[in-house]
């Protein structure tokens, strides 16, 4: 490269789009830059550096500095991201968040870990998500300012690695601990986001999470026995176990009685949608008629079928769909689609059933024939059943499940309702 090349290159900015360039990263508003994305970048960099060292493409004594810095910074980011999610839960619950924003700007992993543990009080489940990961993070407590692996000396001119008597770093141990910590943080993030979604349903009390209330619903005696003397003992046991006052337990019981899933746990029933017994039977008949045995799907065009014959068969099939579904109301079709959609989207909360129903009802592009064909397969029926289970709809399931199992038996299907959770 000569001076003329320098003149040309200096005029180009790496921070602007250039059509002639092959590798261009999207950042800022264009890339939707978030701490999650930055964290993923640092974790990716860790694996690239380790792989280069193992493959002999880099010198470990040089690459160790960006390697350790990237691991350390990924931990710092993970802690700050998780604290931010927990803060959202505090806001949802209208609880005071005692940590000031400027305090969270620290680089000190030990301090961030202490803040994290201070926030456990908002939900007792959080400690189980993060305690082991925080133990792994202790390896980096010594790097308070996140500068030991960035410079030879700190601002005071101290060679900190020498002062800390760190002269060797085992890269394979570092990798193993990083991978395990990364696994723990990933699982914790997922669970924490689920917890945040759970709180957004407003199914909680001052002292109890939705999860607590669900568990209490399983520990309560059936509602038909609530007039018995034994029910008082039952309530006392629950109050003692969860540290509740009589009013706090009463608040939880009121939620249980009005929640479809929790009510089912006390042998009460809150029906979602309007699906008659006859409509469920007709639905199963439709599935049986149109399910292809080897793929669980609707029957398809046969090889060699001419266009005229194809159109005739399509017309006949459409008429058959109409005939088999004519006694199923639109409301029932929407309800069946809603239950199945809950499973397809991974939405386990019965409180959101109406949202899924509205999704189909309010979309004017969704016609009746689309709904019929969508729900009318064995595979979708399994999703419907799982959605019903998540919503505590035992009355529907008592009728529909045996009919669907019969279809599975007749066609020797290996995919069954009871195995669906593992598939998901």
Protein backbone atom coordinates (compact mmCIF):
# COMPACT_ATOMS: atom_id res chain seq x y z
CA UNK A 1 0.00 0.00 0.00
CA UNK A 2 1.37 3.44 -0.95
CA UNK A 3 0.38 7.01 -0.09
CA UNK A 4 -2.22 7.16 -2.85
CA UNK A 5 -3.93 4.09 -1.39
CA UNK A 6 -3.91 5.77 2.00
CA UNK A 7 -5.61 8.85 0.58
CA UNK A 8 -8.40 6.71 -0.89
CA UNK A 9 -8.82 4.55 2.19
CA UNK A 10 -8.86 7.48 4.60
CA UNK A 11 -11.84 8.91 2.77
CA UNK A 12 -13.86 5.79 3.53
CA UNK A 13 -15.69 5.42 6.84
CA UNK A 14 -16.17 1.91 8.26
CA UNK A 15 -19.23 3.26 10.09
CA UNK A 16 -21.27 4.00 6.97
CA UNK A 17 -22.96 1.67 4.49
CA UNK A 18 -20.95 0.89 1.36
CA UNK A 19 -22.45 -1.18 -1.48
CA UNK A 20 -19.03 -2.39 -2.59
CA UNK A 21 -18.26 -4.10 0.70
CA UNK A 22 -19.05 -7.79 1.24
CA UNK A 23 -19.17 -8.08 5.04
CA UNK A 24 -21.43 -5.52 6.65
CA UNK A 25 -22.86 -5.68 10.16
CA UNK A 26 -26.20 -4.11 11.11
CA UNK A 27 -26.14 -2.09 14.34
CA UNK A 28 -28.02 0.69 16.11
CA UNK A 29 -31.53 1.31 14.82
CA UNK A 30 -30.77 -0.81 11.76
CA UNK A 31 -29.61 -3.81 13.77
CA UNK A 32 -31.88 -3.42 16.76
CA UNK A 33 -28.82 -3.35 19.03
CA UNK A 34 -29.67 -4.74 22.48
CA UNK A 35 -27.67 -6.04 25.41
CA UNK A 36 -28.90 -9.52 24.48
CA UNK A 37 -27.33 -9.19 21.04
CA UNK A 38 -24.11 -7.76 22.45
CA UNK A 39 -23.95 -10.62 24.96
CA UNK A 40 -24.40 -13.15 22.14
CA UNK A 41 -21.52 -11.48 20.29
CA UNK A 42 -19.13 -11.76 23.22
CA UNK A 43 -20.07 -15.39 23.82
CA UNK A 44 -19.54 -16.12 20.14
CA UNK A 45 -16.15 -14.40 20.25
CA UNK A 46 -15.14 -16.64 23.17
CA UNK A 47 -15.73 -19.81 21.15
CA UNK A 48 -13.97 -18.41 18.08
CA UNK A 49 -10.87 -17.52 20.10
CA UNK A 50 -10.80 -20.89 21.90
CA UNK A 51 -11.19 -22.73 18.59
CA UNK A 52 -8.34 -20.70 17.07
CA UNK A 53 -6.09 -21.61 19.99
CA UNK A 54 -6.98 -25.30 19.76
CA UNK A 55 -6.48 -25.33 15.98
CA UNK A 56 -3.09 -23.64 16.24
CA UNK A 57 -4.28 -20.56 14.40
CA UNK A 58 -3.43 -18.21 17.24
CA UNK A 59 -0.93 -17.82 20.04
CA UNK A 60 -2.53 -18.56 23.42
CA UNK A 61 -0.25 -16.17 25.31
CA UNK A 62 -1.65 -13.34 23.17
CA UNK A 63 -5.25 -14.45 22.67
CA UNK A 64 -5.77 -15.12 26.37
CA UNK A 65 -6.38 -11.41 27.01
CA UNK A 66 -9.33 -10.88 24.65
CA UNK A 67 -10.54 -14.38 25.63
CA UNK A 68 -10.73 -13.74 29.37
CA UNK A 69 -12.00 -10.20 28.84
CA UNK A 70 -14.83 -11.50 26.60
CA UNK A 71 -15.82 -14.15 29.16
CA UNK A 72 -15.68 -11.64 31.99
CA UNK A 73 -17.71 -9.06 30.08
CA UNK A 74 -20.31 -11.66 29.09
CA UNK A 75 -20.82 -12.38 32.80
CA UNK A 76 -21.18 -8.69 33.57
CA UNK A 77 -23.74 -8.30 30.78
CA UNK A 78 -25.63 -11.42 31.86
CA UNK A 79 -25.96 -10.07 35.39
CA UNK A 80 -27.13 -6.66 34.21
CA UNK A 81 -29.64 -8.17 31.76
CA UNK A 82 -31.12 -10.45 34.43
CA UNK A 83 -31.32 -7.59 36.93
CA UNK A 84 -33.20 -5.57 34.30
CA UNK A 85 -35.75 -8.38 33.83
CA UNK A 86 -36.23 -8.68 37.60
CA UNK A 87 -36.71 -4.91 37.76
CA UNK A 88 -39.57 -5.29 35.27
CA UNK A 89 -41.19 -7.76 37.67
CA UNK A 90 -40.82 -5.23 40.49
CA UNK A 91 -42.58 -2.64 38.34
CA UNK A 92 -45.38 -5.05 37.37
CA UNK A 93 -45.97 -5.78 41.06
CA UNK A 94 -45.70 -2.07 41.89
CA UNK A 95 -42.92 -2.84 44.37
CA UNK A 96 -40.11 -0.41 45.20
CA UNK A 97 -36.89 -1.16 43.33
CA UNK A 98 -34.20 -0.05 45.77
CA UNK A 99 -31.17 -0.15 43.48
CA UNK A 100 -30.36 3.16 41.79
CA UNK A 101 -29.57 3.24 38.07
CA UNK A 102 -26.08 4.66 38.61
CA UNK A 103 -25.29 1.77 40.97
CA UNK A 104 -25.91 -0.69 38.15
CA UNK A 105 -23.27 0.99 35.99
CA UNK A 106 -20.52 -0.70 37.99
CA UNK A 107 -18.18 -3.22 36.37
CA UNK A 108 -17.69 -5.11 39.64
CA UNK A 109 -19.13 -8.63 39.25
CA UNK A 110 -19.12 -9.20 43.00
CA UNK A 111 -21.19 -6.06 43.57
CA UNK A 112 -23.61 -6.99 40.77
CA UNK A 113 -23.97 -10.47 42.29
CA UNK A 114 -24.86 -8.92 45.65
CA UNK A 115 -27.46 -6.68 44.00
CA UNK A 116 -28.87 -9.74 42.27
CA UNK A 117 -29.25 -11.67 45.52
CA UNK A 118 -30.86 -8.64 47.14
CA UNK A 119 -33.62 -8.86 44.52
CA UNK A 120 -34.42 -12.52 45.21
CA UNK A 121 -37.11 -11.40 47.65
CA UNK A 122 -39.52 -10.55 44.82
CA UNK A 123 -39.96 -14.26 44.02
CA UNK A 124 -38.47 -17.21 45.88
CA UNK A 125 -37.89 -19.11 42.64
CA UNK A 126 -35.20 -16.71 41.41
CA UNK A 127 -32.50 -17.94 43.78
CA UNK A 128 -32.77 -21.44 42.35
CA UNK A 129 -32.24 -20.03 38.86
CA UNK A 130 -29.03 -18.13 39.55
CA UNK A 131 -27.20 -19.36 42.66
CA UNK A 132 -24.95 -21.90 40.91
CA UNK A 133 -24.20 -19.52 38.01
CA UNK A 134 -23.21 -16.84 40.52
CA UNK A 135 -20.84 -19.32 42.15
CA UNK A 136 -19.08 -19.75 38.80
CA UNK A 137 -18.90 -15.96 38.43
CA UNK A 138 -16.79 -15.74 41.62
CA UNK A 139 -13.72 -16.64 39.54
CA UNK A 140 -13.79 -13.08 38.20
CA UNK A 141 -14.30 -11.14 41.44
CA UNK A 142 -10.63 -10.06 41.37
CA UNK A 143 -11.13 -7.98 38.21
CA UNK A 144 -13.09 -5.18 39.88
CA UNK A 145 -12.81 -2.58 37.13
CA UNK A 146 -12.74 -4.92 34.11
CA UNK A 147 -9.27 -3.65 33.21
CA UNK A 148 -6.84 -6.41 34.21
CA UNK A 149 -7.00 -8.12 30.81
CA UNK A 150 -7.24 -4.93 28.78
CA UNK A 151 -3.99 -3.23 29.79
CA UNK A 152 -0.59 -4.11 31.12
CA UNK A 153 -1.08 -1.70 34.05
CA UNK A 154 -4.00 0.07 35.68
CA UNK A 155 -4.30 3.84 36.14
CA UNK A 156 -1.93 3.71 39.12
CA UNK A 157 0.67 1.92 37.04
CA UNK A 158 0.24 -1.38 38.91
CA UNK A 159 0.81 -4.62 37.01
CA UNK A 160 -2.21 -6.32 38.52
CA UNK A 161 -1.67 -9.84 37.18
CA UNK A 162 1.73 -9.88 38.83
CA UNK A 163 0.36 -8.43 42.08
CA UNK A 164 -2.39 -11.09 42.08
CA UNK A 165 0.28 -13.74 41.40
CA UNK A 166 -1.59 -15.00 38.34
CA UNK A 167 1.00 -16.47 36.00
CA UNK A 168 -0.89 -19.28 34.25
CA UNK A 169 -4.43 -19.73 32.92
CA UNK A 170 -5.78 -23.19 32.05
CA UNK A 171 -7.78 -22.56 28.90
CA UNK A 172 -9.61 -25.90 28.88
CA UNK A 173 -10.83 -25.40 32.47
CA UNK A 174 -11.78 -21.85 31.55
CA UNK A 175 -13.78 -23.17 28.59
CA UNK A 176 -15.57 -25.86 30.61
CA UNK A 177 -16.60 -23.39 33.30
CA UNK A 178 -17.68 -20.83 30.69
CA UNK A 179 -19.84 -23.37 28.85
CA UNK A 180 -21.50 -24.53 32.06
CA UNK A 181 -22.07 -20.97 33.26
CA UNK A 182 -23.45 -20.03 29.86
CA UNK A 183 -25.85 -22.99 30.03
CA UNK A 184 -27.04 -21.94 33.49
CA UNK A 185 -27.55 -18.32 32.46
CA UNK A 186 -29.46 -19.31 29.31
CA UNK A 187 -31.83 -21.51 31.31
CA UNK A 188 -32.22 -18.78 33.92
CA UNK A 189 -33.00 -16.11 31.32
CA UNK A 190 -35.70 -18.29 29.78
CA UNK A 191 -37.29 -19.03 33.15
CA UNK A 192 -37.05 -15.40 34.21
CA UNK A 193 -38.78 -14.21 31.05
CA UNK A 194 -41.50 -16.82 31.64
CA UNK A 195 -41.81 -15.53 35.19
CA UNK A 196 -42.16 -11.96 33.90
CA UNK A 197 -44.87 -13.09 31.48
CA UNK A 198 -46.56 -14.92 34.33
CA UNK A 199 -46.69 -11.77 36.47
CA UNK A 200 -48.08 -9.76 33.54
CA UNK A 201 -51.24 -11.92 33.82
CA UNK A 202 -51.98 -10.26 37.19
CA UNK A 203 -52.69 -13.66 38.74
CA UNK A 204 -50.78 -13.04 41.98
CA UNK A 205 -51.14 -11.52 45.43
CA UNK A 206 -48.81 -9.50 47.62
CA UNK A 207 -47.18 -12.64 49.03
CA UNK A 208 -47.96 -15.28 46.42
CA UNK A 209 -46.88 -15.77 42.82
CA UNK A 210 -49.14 -17.41 40.27
CA UNK A 211 -47.04 -20.53 40.69
CA UNK A 212 -47.69 -20.48 44.45
CA UNK A 213 -51.43 -20.07 43.90
CA UNK A 214 -51.48 -22.93 41.42
CA UNK A 215 -49.70 -25.16 43.94
CA UNK A 216 -52.17 -24.15 46.67
CA UNK A 217 -55.04 -25.07 44.34
CA UNK A 218 -53.60 -28.59 44.21
CA UNK A 219 -53.30 -28.77 48.00
CA UNK A 220 -56.83 -27.56 48.76
CA UNK A 221 -59.56 -30.10 49.37
CA UNK A 222 -62.21 -30.48 46.62
CA UNK A 223 -64.70 -27.64 46.74
CA UNK A 224 -67.50 -30.10 47.51
CA UNK A 225 -65.89 -30.69 50.92
CA UNK A 226 -65.39 -27.06 51.93
CA UNK A 227 -68.28 -27.18 54.41
CA UNK A 228 -66.60 -29.98 56.34
CA UNK A 229 -64.64 -29.37 59.55
CA UNK A 230 -61.58 -30.93 57.89
CA UNK A 231 -61.40 -27.97 55.51
CA UNK A 232 -60.44 -25.69 58.40
CA UNK A 233 -57.48 -27.96 59.16
CA UNK A 234 -56.62 -28.01 55.47
CA UNK A 235 -56.50 -24.19 55.37
CA UNK A 236 -54.43 -23.98 58.55
CA UNK A 237 -51.82 -26.30 57.08
CA UNK A 238 -51.60 -24.17 53.94
CA UNK A 239 -51.39 -20.93 55.94
CA UNK A 240 -48.52 -22.35 57.99
CA UNK A 241 -46.66 -23.70 54.95
CA UNK A 242 -46.81 -20.43 52.98
CA UNK A 243 -46.75 -18.02 55.95
CA UNK A 244 -50.18 -16.57 55.15
CA UNK A 245 -52.79 -14.74 57.15
CA UNK A 246 -56.44 -15.78 56.86
CA UNK A 247 -57.07 -12.83 54.53
CA UNK A 248 -54.08 -13.66 52.35
CA UNK A 249 -55.29 -17.22 51.93
CA UNK A 250 -58.82 -15.99 51.26
CA UNK A 251 -57.48 -13.73 48.49
CA UNK A 252 -55.70 -16.71 46.94
CA UNK A 253 -58.81 -18.90 47.16
CA UNK A 254 -60.87 -16.23 45.37
CA UNK A 255 -58.36 -16.29 42.52
CA UNK A 256 -58.45 -20.10 42.44
CA UNK A 257 -62.25 -20.20 42.21
CA UNK A 258 -62.20 -17.84 39.21
CA UNK A 259 -59.30 -19.32 37.27
CA UNK A 260 -60.24 -22.15 34.84
CA UNK A 261 -57.11 -24.21 35.47
CA UNK A 262 -56.97 -23.70 39.23
CA UNK A 263 -60.72 -24.26 39.61
CA UNK A 264 -60.28 -27.61 37.90
CA UNK A 265 -57.77 -28.56 40.60
CA UNK A 266 -60.47 -28.17 43.27
CA UNK A 267 -63.01 -30.13 41.19
CA UNK A 268 -64.82 -27.03 40.07
CA UNK A 269 -65.47 -26.16 36.43
CA UNK A 270 -65.16 -22.96 34.43
CA UNK A 271 -65.94 -23.61 30.78
CA UNK A 272 -64.07 -21.71 28.09
CA UNK A 273 -65.73 -21.43 24.70
CA UNK A 274 -68.96 -23.03 23.60
CA UNK A 275 -68.46 -26.56 22.30
CA UNK A 276 -71.28 -29.05 22.75
CA UNK A 277 -70.76 -32.77 23.27
CA UNK A 278 -72.22 -33.45 19.83
CA UNK A 279 -69.82 -30.95 18.23
CA UNK A 280 -66.87 -32.71 19.84
CA UNK A 281 -68.11 -36.03 18.47
CA UNK A 282 -68.56 -34.50 15.02
CA UNK A 283 -65.07 -32.99 15.23
CA UNK A 284 -63.57 -36.43 15.94
CA UNK A 285 -65.56 -37.93 13.06
CA UNK A 286 -64.19 -35.28 10.72
CA UNK A 287 -60.62 -36.00 11.84
CA UNK A 288 -61.11 -39.73 11.37
CA UNK A 289 -62.44 -39.21 7.86
CA UNK A 290 -59.71 -36.90 6.59
CA UNK A 291 -56.59 -38.06 8.38
CA UNK A 292 -53.97 -39.80 6.26
CA UNK A 293 -52.71 -42.81 8.27
CA UNK A 294 -48.99 -42.55 7.52
CA UNK A 295 -48.57 -38.78 8.04
CA UNK A 296 -51.43 -37.75 10.33
CA UNK A 297 -52.44 -35.27 7.66
CA UNK A 298 -55.31 -34.78 5.23
CA UNK A 299 -55.38 -36.92 2.11
CA UNK A 300 -53.51 -35.58 -0.88
CA UNK A 301 -53.59 -35.81 -4.66
CA UNK A 302 -52.64 -39.23 -6.05
CA UNK A 303 -49.81 -39.62 -8.56
CA UNK A 304 -50.97 -39.54 -12.16
CA UNK A 305 -54.23 -37.78 -11.37
CA UNK A 306 -55.32 -35.58 -14.28
CA UNK A 307 -56.35 -31.93 -13.87
CA UNK A 308 -60.04 -32.58 -14.57
CA UNK A 309 -60.10 -35.51 -12.18
CA UNK A 310 -58.18 -33.46 -9.63
CA UNK A 311 -60.72 -30.62 -9.75
CA UNK A 312 -63.59 -33.07 -9.37
CA UNK A 313 -61.94 -34.69 -6.38
CA UNK A 314 -61.23 -31.30 -4.82
CA UNK A 315 -64.89 -30.38 -5.25
CA UNK A 316 -66.03 -33.68 -3.73
CA UNK A 317 -63.63 -33.28 -0.84
CA UNK A 318 -64.78 -29.72 -0.20
CA UNK A 319 -68.40 -30.91 -0.14
CA UNK A 320 -67.41 -33.64 2.28
CA UNK A 321 -65.64 -31.14 4.54
CA UNK A 322 -68.77 -28.98 4.50
CA UNK A 323 -71.03 -31.92 5.27
CA UNK A 324 -68.95 -33.15 8.18
CA UNK A 325 -68.47 -29.71 9.70
CA UNK A 326 -71.91 -28.17 9.08
CA UNK A 327 -73.11 -29.16 12.55
CA UNK A 328 -70.12 -27.51 14.22
CA UNK A 329 -70.81 -23.87 15.00
CA UNK A 330 -68.37 -21.12 14.15
CA UNK A 331 -67.92 -20.46 17.86
CA UNK A 332 -66.91 -24.09 18.41
CA UNK A 333 -64.47 -23.97 15.49
CA UNK A 334 -62.91 -20.80 16.90
CA UNK A 335 -62.60 -22.38 20.34
CA UNK A 336 -60.93 -25.52 18.97
CA UNK A 337 -58.54 -23.39 16.93
CA UNK A 338 -57.76 -21.26 19.99
CA UNK A 339 -56.86 -24.27 22.15
CA UNK A 340 -54.59 -25.64 19.43
CA UNK A 341 -52.99 -22.26 18.85
CA UNK A 342 -52.05 -22.01 22.52
CA UNK A 343 -49.94 -25.12 22.13
CA UNK A 344 -48.46 -23.98 18.81
CA UNK A 345 -47.32 -20.70 20.38
CA UNK A 346 -46.22 -22.27 23.67
CA UNK A 347 -48.71 -20.16 25.65
CA UNK A 348 -49.44 -22.27 28.75
CA UNK A 349 -51.60 -19.67 30.51
CA UNK A 350 -55.34 -20.17 30.54
CA UNK A 351 -55.74 -16.44 31.20
CA UNK A 352 -54.71 -15.88 27.56
CA UNK A 353 -57.32 -18.17 26.01
CA UNK A 354 -59.50 -15.25 24.89
CA UNK A 355 -56.55 -13.64 23.14
CA UNK A 356 -56.13 -16.73 20.97
CA UNK A 357 -59.88 -16.92 20.30
CA UNK A 358 -59.88 -13.26 19.25
CA UNK A 359 -56.90 -13.87 16.98
CA UNK A 360 -59.05 -16.07 14.76
CA UNK A 361 -62.37 -14.31 15.23
CA UNK A 362 -61.17 -10.79 14.42
CA UNK A 363 -59.08 -11.70 11.40
CA UNK A 364 -61.52 -11.21 8.55
CA UNK A 365 -59.20 -13.05 6.17
CA UNK A 366 -59.81 -16.28 8.07
CA UNK A 367 -62.84 -18.00 6.59
CA UNK A 368 -64.82 -20.93 7.90
CA UNK A 369 -63.33 -23.39 5.38
CA UNK A 370 -59.81 -22.39 6.50
CA UNK A 371 -60.69 -23.06 10.13
CA UNK A 372 -62.19 -26.44 9.31
CA UNK A 373 -59.13 -27.58 7.40
CA UNK A 374 -56.73 -26.18 9.99
CA UNK A 375 -58.22 -28.02 12.94
CA UNK A 376 -59.37 -31.12 11.05
CA UNK A 377 -56.22 -33.25 11.34
CA UNK A 378 -55.10 -35.75 13.93
CA UNK A 379 -51.92 -33.78 14.59
CA UNK A 380 -53.84 -30.57 15.30
CA UNK A 381 -56.33 -32.44 17.50
CA UNK A 382 -53.43 -33.41 19.78
CA UNK A 383 -52.61 -29.70 20.11
CA UNK A 384 -56.25 -28.93 20.86
CA UNK A 385 -56.20 -31.50 23.68
CA UNK A 386 -53.02 -30.05 25.15
CA UNK A 387 -54.49 -26.54 25.05
CA UNK A 388 -57.59 -27.85 26.80
CA UNK A 389 -55.38 -29.43 29.45
CA UNK A 390 -53.53 -26.16 30.04
CA UNK A 391 -56.90 -24.44 30.44
CA UNK A 392 -58.36 -27.01 32.83
CA UNK A 393 -61.09 -28.06 30.39
CA UNK A 394 -61.64 -31.60 31.66
CA UNK A 395 -65.27 -31.71 30.51
CA UNK A 396 -64.20 -31.31 26.90
CA UNK A 397 -61.27 -33.69 27.29
CA UNK A 398 -63.41 -36.43 28.82
CA UNK A 399 -65.33 -36.64 25.55
CA UNK A 400 -62.67 -35.80 22.97
CA UNK A 401 -59.64 -37.70 24.28
CA UNK A 402 -61.09 -41.25 23.97
CA UNK A 403 -62.26 -40.46 20.44
CA UNK A 404 -58.80 -39.24 19.40
CA UNK A 405 -57.12 -42.22 21.06
CA UNK A 406 -59.42 -44.52 19.11
CA UNK A 407 -58.26 -42.88 15.87
CA UNK A 408 -54.65 -43.42 16.95
CA UNK A 409 -55.31 -47.07 17.73
CA UNK A 410 -57.08 -47.70 14.43
CA UNK A 411 -54.20 -46.18 12.45
CA UNK A 412 -51.39 -47.42 14.70
CA UNK A 413 -50.09 -43.88 15.30
CA UNK A 414 -47.00 -43.59 17.51
CA UNK A 415 -47.55 -39.89 18.17
CA UNK A 416 -49.95 -39.72 21.10
CA UNK A 417 -51.41 -37.03 23.34
CA UNK A 418 -49.49 -38.12 26.44
CA UNK A 419 -46.17 -37.78 24.57
CA UNK A 420 -46.84 -34.32 23.27
CA UNK A 421 -45.06 -32.46 26.09
CA UNK A 422 -41.78 -34.16 25.20
CA UNK A 423 -42.26 -33.30 21.54
CA UNK A 424 -42.79 -29.66 22.48
